Amino acid sequence: MNTRLTIDLKDPQITRLLRMEASERGDSIRDIIVEALTSYFSHKRENKALLKLSEKAFAEWDNPKDSDYDKL
């Protein structure tokens, strides 16, 4: 299934950078954008997984008396 997106980047500098990168690598602008989005979402998923794991670790440190210190 193909999906077409039309976006206005609003920044000519970004458009120039995309074109230059595609030209230097011999790839299409589409390839550059797909790679960038794949990397972005990969890192986002990884960060969410790490946060979820860290919640378990910090739960051991959870102390009801901490709220008393917060009031000071």
PDB file of N, CA and C in Angstrom:
ATOM      1  N   MET A   1       0.840  -1.177   0.000  1.00  0.00           N
ATOM      2  CA  MET A   1       0.000   0.000   0.000  1.00  0.00           C
ATOM      3  C   MET A   1       0.887   1.244   0.000  1.00  0.00           C
ATOM      4  N   ASN A   2       0.686   2.111  -0.935  1.00  0.00           N
ATOM      5  CA  ASN A   2       1.427   3.364  -1.009  1.00  0.00           C
ATOM      6  C   ASN A   2       0.647   4.474  -0.326  1.00  0.00           C
ATOM      7  N   THR A   3       1.366   5.327   0.341  1.00  0.00           N
ATOM      8  CA  THR A   3       0.756   6.476   0.987  1.00  0.00           C
ATOM      9  C   THR A   3       1.481   7.717   0.513  1.00  0.00           C
ATOM     10  N   ARG A   4       0.738   8.682   0.062  1.00  0.00           N
ATOM     11  CA  ARG A   4       1.333   9.924  -0.415  1.00  0.00           C
ATOM     12  C   ARG A   4       1.089  11.013   0.610  1.00  0.00           C
ATOM     13  N   LEU A   5       2.160  11.730   0.942  1.00  0.00           N
ATOM     14  CA  LEU A   5       2.077  12.868   1.841  1.00  0.00           C
ATOM     15  C   LEU A   5       2.497  14.114   1.086  1.00  0.00           C
ATOM     16  N   THR A   6       1.805  15.179   1.331  1.00  0.00           N
ATOM     17  CA  THR A   6       2.195  16.473   0.798  1.00  0.00           C
ATOM     18  C   THR A   6       2.357  17.401   1.984  1.00  0.00           C
ATOM     19  N   ILE A   7       3.572  17.936   2.135  1.00  0.00           N
ATOM     20  CA  ILE A   7       3.827  18.811   3.273  1.00  0.00           C
ATOM     21  C   ILE A   7       4.535  20.075   2.805  1.00  0.00           C
ATOM     22  N   ASP A   8       4.293  21.135   3.532  1.00  0.00           N
ATOM     23  CA  ASP A   8       4.998  22.388   3.304  1.00  0.00           C
ATOM     24  C   ASP A   8       6.007  22.527   4.434  1.00  0.00           C
ATOM     25  N   LEU A   9       7.277  22.403   4.120  1.00  0.00           N
ATOM     26  CA  LEU A   9       8.314  22.455   5.147  1.00  0.00           C
ATOM     27  C   LEU A   9       8.508  23.857   5.704  1.00  0.00           C
ATOM     28  N   LYS A  10       8.027  24.856   5.018  1.00  0.00           N
ATOM     29  CA  LYS A  10       8.057  26.262   5.441  1.00  0.00           C
ATOM     30  C   LYS A  10       9.455  26.828   5.610  1.00  0.00           C
ATOM     31  N   ASP A  11      10.463  26.025   5.366  1.00  0.00           N
ATOM     32  CA  ASP A  11      11.836  26.487   5.532  1.00  0.00           C
ATOM     33  C   ASP A  11      12.633  26.087   4.294  1.00  0.00           C
ATOM     34  N   PRO A  12      12.939  27.055   3.435  1.00  0.00           N
ATOM     35  CA  PRO A  12      13.689  26.738   2.219  1.00  0.00           C
ATOM     36  C   PRO A  12      15.040  26.093   2.514  1.00  0.00           C
ATOM     37  N   GLN A  13      15.611  26.400   3.666  1.00  0.00           N
ATOM     38  CA  GLN A  13      16.905  25.817   4.049  1.00  0.00           C
ATOM     39  C   GLN A  13      16.783  24.290   4.180  1.00  0.00           C
ATOM     40  N   ILE A  14      15.703  23.826   4.779  1.00  0.00           N
ATOM     41  CA  ILE A  14      15.482  22.382   4.932  1.00  0.00           C
ATOM     42  C   ILE A  14      15.350  21.731   3.554  1.00  0.00           C
ATOM     43  N   THR A  15      14.613  22.371   2.680  1.00  0.00           N
ATOM     44  CA  THR A  15      14.435  21.835   1.332  1.00  0.00           C
ATOM     45  C   THR A  15      15.779  21.741   0.614  1.00  0.00           C
ATOM     46  N   ARG A  16      16.588  22.785   0.729  1.00  0.00           N
ATOM     47  CA  ARG A  16      17.924  22.762   0.101  1.00  0.00           C
ATOM     48  C   ARG A  16      18.785  21.643   0.688  1.00  0.00           C
ATOM     49  N   LEU A  17      18.743  21.503   2.008  1.00  0.00           N
ATOM     50  CA  LEU A  17      19.530  20.450   2.655  1.00  0.00           C
ATOM     51  C   LEU A  17      19.088  19.059   2.199  1.00  0.00           C
ATOM     52  N   LEU A  18      17.785  18.871   2.092  1.00  0.00           N
ATOM     53  CA  LEU A  18      17.270  17.590   1.603  1.00  0.00           C
ATOM     54  C   LEU A  18      17.760  17.303   0.186  1.00  0.00           C
ATOM     55  N   ARG A  19      17.662  18.290  -0.668  1.00  0.00           N
ATOM     56  CA  ARG A  19      18.094  18.116  -2.059  1.00  0.00           C
ATOM     57  C   ARG A  19      19.593  17.841  -2.148  1.00  0.00           C
ATOM     58  N   MET A  20      20.382  18.581  -1.356  1.00  0.00           N
ATOM     59  CA  MET A  20      21.836  18.381  -1.382  1.00  0.00           C
ATOM     60  C   MET A  20      22.192  16.985  -0.864  1.00  0.00           C
ATOM     61  N   GLU A  21      21.572  16.567   0.218  1.00  0.00           N
ATOM     62  CA  GLU A  21      21.850  15.241   0.782  1.00  0.00           C
ATOM     63  C   GLU A  21      21.486  14.147  -0.208  1.00  0.00           C
ATOM     64  N   ALA A  22      20.332  14.275  -0.824  1.00  0.00           N
ATOM     65  CA  ALA A  22      19.900  13.289  -1.810  1.00  0.00           C
ATOM     66  C   ALA A  22      20.874  13.241  -2.981  1.00  0.00           C
ATOM     67  N   SER A  23      21.316  14.400  -3.437  1.00  0.00           N
ATOM     68  CA  SER A  23      22.251  14.465  -4.556  1.00  0.00           C
ATOM     69  C   SER A  23      23.598  13.848  -4.190  1.00  0.00           C
ATOM     70  N   GLU A  24      24.104  14.189  -3.015  1.00  0.00           N
ATOM     71  CA  GLU A  24      25.409  13.664  -2.583  1.00  0.00           C
ATOM     72  C   GLU A  24      25.383  12.142  -2.424  1.00  0.00           C
ATOM     73  N   ARG A  25      24.282  11.620  -1.935  1.00  0.00           N
ATOM     74  CA  ARG A  25      24.182  10.179  -1.694  1.00  0.00           C
ATOM     75  C   ARG A  25      23.673   9.410  -2.897  1.00  0.00           C
ATOM     76  N   GLY A  26      23.152  10.122  -3.867  1.00  0.00           N
ATOM     77  CA  GLY A  26      22.575   9.445  -5.029  1.00  0.00           C
ATOM     78  C   GLY A  26      21.255   8.776  -4.697  1.00  0.00           C
ATOM     79  N   ASP A  27      20.576   9.297  -3.683  1.00  0.00           N
ATOM     80  CA  ASP A  27      19.269   8.785  -3.264  1.00  0.00           C
ATOM     81  C   ASP A  27      18.195   9.799  -3.615  1.00  0.00           C
ATOM     82  N   SER A  28      16.953   9.394  -3.457  1.00  0.00           N
ATOM     83  CA  SER A  28      15.855  10.327  -3.670  1.00  0.00           C
ATOM     84  C   SER A  28      15.558  11.056  -2.360  1.00  0.00           C
ATOM     85  N   ILE A  29      14.883  12.176  -2.480  1.00  0.00           N
ATOM     86  CA  ILE A  29      14.449  12.910  -1.286  1.00  0.00           C
ATOM     87  C   ILE A  29      13.543  12.012  -0.448  1.00  0.00           C
ATOM     88  N   ARG A  30      12.730  11.231  -1.124  1.00  0.00           N
ATOM     89  CA  ARG A  30      11.850  10.288  -0.428  1.00  0.00           C
ATOM     90  C   ARG A  30      12.665   9.347   0.444  1.00  0.00           C
ATOM     91  N   ASP A  31      13.761   8.797  -0.107  1.00  0.00           N
ATOM     92  CA  ASP A  31      14.612   7.877   0.652  1.00  0.00           C
ATOM     93  C   ASP A  31      15.180   8.545   1.905  1.00  0.00           C
ATOM     94  N   ILE A  32      15.611   9.796   1.764  1.00  0.00           N
ATOM     95  CA  ILE A  32      16.175  10.531   2.887  1.00  0.00           C
ATOM     96  C   ILE A  32      15.116  10.725   3.971  1.00  0.00           C
ATOM     97  N   ILE A  33      13.923  11.119   3.571  1.00  0.00           N
ATOM     98  CA  ILE A  33      12.844  11.368   4.530  1.00  0.00           C
ATOM     99  C   ILE A  33      12.405  10.079   5.205  1.00  0.00           C
ATOM    100  N   VAL A  34      12.273   9.001   4.443  1.00  0.00           N
ATOM    101  CA  VAL A  34      11.881   7.716   5.026  1.00  0.00           C
ATOM    102  C   VAL A  34      12.936   7.267   6.038  1.00  0.00           C
ATOM    103  N   GLU A  35      14.210   7.408   5.697  1.00  0.00           N
ATOM    104  CA  GLU A  35      15.283   7.035   6.622  1.00  0.00           C
ATOM    105  C   GLU A  35      15.229   7.883   7.896  1.00  0.00           C
ATOM    106  N   ALA A  36      15.016   9.172   7.733  1.00  0.00           N
ATOM    107  CA  ALA A  36      14.957  10.073   8.894  1.00  0.00           C
ATOM    108  C   ALA A  36      13.766   9.731   9.788  1.00  0.00           C
ATOM    109  N   LEU A  37      12.617   9.491   9.192  1.00  0.00           N
ATOM    110  CA  LEU A  37      11.433   9.149   9.990  1.00  0.00           C
ATOM    111  C   LEU A  37      11.577   7.790  10.669  1.00  0.00           C
ATOM    112  N   THR A  38      12.166   6.834   9.966  1.00  0.00           N
ATOM    113  CA  THR A  38      12.398   5.517  10.557  1.00  0.00           C
ATOM    114  C   THR A  38      13.307   5.636  11.772  1.00  0.00           C
ATOM    115  N   SER A  39      14.361   6.412  11.636  1.00  0.00           N
ATOM    116  CA  SER A  39      15.286   6.631  12.749  1.00  0.00           C
ATOM    117  C   SER A  39      14.586   7.335  13.904  1.00  0.00           C
ATOM    118  N   TYR A  40      13.814   8.360  13.593  1.00  0.00           N
ATOM    119  CA  TYR A  40      13.090   9.119  14.625  1.00  0.00           C
ATOM    120  C   TYR A  40      12.180   8.208  15.440  1.00  0.00           C
ATOM    121  N   PHE A  41      11.365   7.411  14.739  1.00  0.00           N
ATOM    122  CA  PHE A  41      10.406   6.568  15.450  1.00  0.00           C
ATOM    123  C   PHE A  41      11.096   5.407  16.158  1.00  0.00           C
ATOM    124  N   SER A  42      12.197   4.925  15.626  1.00  0.00           N
ATOM    125  CA  SER A  42      12.962   3.880  16.287  1.00  0.00           C
ATOM    126  C   SER A  42      13.498   4.381  17.626  1.00  0.00           C
ATOM    127  N   HIS A  43      14.071   5.595  17.618  1.00  0.00           N
ATOM    128  CA  HIS A  43      14.588   6.176  18.850  1.00  0.00           C
ATOM    129  C   HIS A  43      13.453   6.473  19.838  1.00  0.00           C
ATOM    130  N   LYS A  44      12.334   6.924  19.306  1.00  0.00           N
ATOM    131  CA  LYS A  44      11.196   7.239  20.176  1.00  0.00           C
ATOM    132  C   LYS A  44      10.693   5.975  20.879  1.00  0.00           C
ATOM    133  N   ARG A  45      10.576   4.875  20.137  1.00  0.00           N
ATOM    134  CA  ARG A  45      10.134   3.612  20.738  1.00  0.00           C
ATOM    135  C   ARG A  45      11.148   3.128  21.776  1.00  0.00           C
ATOM    136  N   GLU A  46      12.431   3.271  21.444  1.00  0.00           N
ATOM    137  CA  GLU A  46      13.476   2.843  22.374  1.00  0.00           C
ATOM    138  C   GLU A  46      13.418   3.665  23.662  1.00  0.00           C
ATOM    139  N   ASN A  47      13.240   4.967  23.516  1.00  0.00           N
ATOM    140  CA  ASN A  47      13.157   5.833  24.705  1.00  0.00           C
ATOM    141  C   ASN A  47      11.947   5.487  25.566  1.00  0.00           C
ATOM    142  N   LYS A  48      10.820   5.200  24.933  1.00  0.00           N
ATOM    143  CA  LYS A  48       9.625   4.819  25.692  1.00  0.00           C
ATOM    144  C   LYS A  48       9.861   3.518  26.441  1.00  0.00           C
ATOM    145  N   ALA A  49      10.538   2.560  25.794  1.00  0.00           N
ATOM    146  CA  ALA A  49      10.826   1.285  26.444  1.00  0.00           C
ATOM    147  C   ALA A  49      11.742   1.493  27.648  1.00  0.00           C
ATOM    148  N   LEU A  50      12.759   2.350  27.479  1.00  0.00           N
ATOM    149  CA  LEU A  50      13.673   2.629  28.590  1.00  0.00           C
ATOM    150  C   LEU A  50      12.949   3.320  29.748  1.00  0.00           C
ATOM    151  N   LEU A  51      12.058   4.256  29.427  1.00  0.00           N
ATOM    152  CA  LEU A  51      11.298   4.926  30.482  1.00  0.00           C
ATOM    153  C   LEU A  51      10.430   3.940  31.255  1.00  0.00           C
ATOM    154  N   LYS A  52       9.820   3.022  30.521  1.00  0.00           N
ATOM    155  CA  LYS A  52       8.967   2.031  31.172  1.00  0.00           C
ATOM    156  C   LYS A  52       9.792   1.143  32.105  1.00  0.00           C
ATOM    157  N   LEU A  53      10.977   0.734  31.645  1.00  0.00           N
ATOM    158  CA  LEU A  53      11.853  -0.077  32.489  1.00  0.00           C
ATOM    159  C   LEU A  53      12.333   0.702  33.710  1.00  0.00           C
ATOM    160  N   SER A  54      12.637   1.979  33.510  1.00  0.00           N
ATOM    161  CA  SER A  54      13.145   2.781  34.623  1.00  0.00           C
ATOM    162  C   SER A  54      12.059   3.034  35.672  1.00  0.00           C
ATOM    163  N   GLU A  55      10.804   3.059  35.269  1.00  0.00           N
ATOM    164  CA  GLU A  55       9.721   3.236  36.237  1.00  0.00           C
ATOM    165  C   GLU A  55       9.746   2.118  37.266  1.00  0.00           C
ATOM    166  N   LYS A  56      10.011   0.895  36.832  1.00  0.00           N
ATOM    167  CA  LYS A  56      10.079  -0.229  37.754  1.00  0.00           C
ATOM    168  C   LYS A  56      11.231  -0.047  38.732  1.00  0.00           C
ATOM    169  N   ALA A  57      12.363   0.413  38.225  1.00  0.00           N
ATOM    170  CA  ALA A  57      13.532   0.595  39.083  1.00  0.00           C
ATOM    171  C   ALA A  57      13.285   1.689  40.118  1.00  0.00           C
ATOM    172  N   PHE A  58      12.677   2.785  39.701  1.00  0.00           N
ATOM    173  CA  PHE A  58      12.446   3.891  40.619  1.00  0.00           C
ATOM    174  C   PHE A  58      11.281   3.630  41.583  1.00  0.00           C
ATOM    175  N   ALA A  59      10.443   2.673  41.263  1.00  0.00           N
ATOM    176  CA  ALA A  59       9.340   2.334  42.165  1.00  0.00           C
ATOM    177  C   ALA A  59       9.878   1.834  43.500  1.00  0.00           C
ATOM    178  N   GLU A  60      11.048   1.188  43.449  1.00  0.00           N
ATOM    179  CA  GLU A  60      11.659   0.703  44.691  1.00  0.00           C
ATOM    180  C   GLU A  60      12.068   1.865  45.591  1.00  0.00           C
ATOM    181  N   TRP A  61      12.344   3.004  45.014  1.00  0.00           N
ATOM    182  CA  TRP A  61      12.771   4.166  45.779  1.00  0.00           C
ATOM    183  C   TRP A  61      11.595   4.988  46.291  1.00  0.00           C
ATOM    184  N   ASP A  62      10.420   4.657  45.823  1.00  0.00           N
ATOM    185  CA  ASP A  62       9.242   5.441  46.191  1.00  0.00           C
ATOM    186  C   ASP A  62       9.007   5.335  47.694  1.00  0.00           C
ATOM    187  N   ASN A  63       9.000   6.473  48.335  1.00  0.00           N
ATOM    188  CA  ASN A  63       8.847   6.507  49.778  1.00  0.00           C
ATOM    189  C   ASN A  63       7.781   7.551  50.116  1.00  0.00           C
ATOM    190  N   PRO A  64       6.743   7.172  50.844  1.00  0.00           N
ATOM    191  CA  PRO A  64       5.676   8.121  51.178  1.00  0.00           C
ATOM    192  C   PRO A  64       6.185   9.331  51.955  1.00  0.00           C
ATOM    193  N   LYS A  65       7.296   9.178  52.657  1.00  0.00           N
ATOM    194  CA  LYS A  65       7.842  10.286  53.437  1.00  0.00           C
ATOM    195  C   LYS A  65       8.449  11.373  52.551  1.00  0.00           C
ATOM    196  N   ASP A  66       8.697  11.057  51.295  1.00  0.00           N
ATOM    197  CA  ASP A  66       9.269  12.049  50.381  1.00  0.00           C
ATOM    198  C   ASP A  66       8.374  13.280  50.255  1.00  0.00           C
ATOM    199  N   SER A  67       7.082  13.093  50.327  1.00  0.00           N
ATOM    200  CA  SER A  67       6.178  14.239  50.205  1.00  0.00           C
ATOM    201  C   SER A  67       6.364  15.215  51.362  1.00  0.00           C
ATOM    202  N   ASP A  68       6.784  14.698  52.516  1.00  0.00           N
ATOM    203  CA  ASP A  68       7.070  15.590  53.645  1.00  0.00           C
ATOM    204  C   ASP A  68       8.246  16.517  53.321  1.00  0.00           C
ATOM    205  N   TYR A  69       9.245  15.959  52.675  1.00  0.00           N
ATOM    206  CA  TYR A  69      10.414  16.769  52.307  1.00  0.00           C
ATOM    207  C   TYR A  69      10.043  17.786  51.216  1.00  0.00           C
ATOM    208  N   ASP A  70       9.159  17.405  50.334  1.00  0.00           N
ATOM    209  CA  ASP A  70       8.743  18.307  49.262  1.00  0.00           C
ATOM    210  C   ASP A  70       8.041  19.545  49.815  1.00  0.00           C
ATOM    211  N   LYS A  71       7.390  19.404  50.942  1.00  0.00           N
ATOM    212  CA  LYS A  71       6.667  20.531  51.542  1.00  0.00           C
ATOM    213  C   LYS A  71       7.608  21.551  52.157  1.00  0.00           C
ATOM    214  N   LEU A  72       8.828  21.124  52.486  1.00  0.00           N
ATOM    215  CA  LEU A  72       9.781  22.028  53.147  1.00  0.00           C
ATOM    216  C   LEU A  72      10.302  23.060  52.228  1.00  0.00           C
TER     217      LEU A  72
END
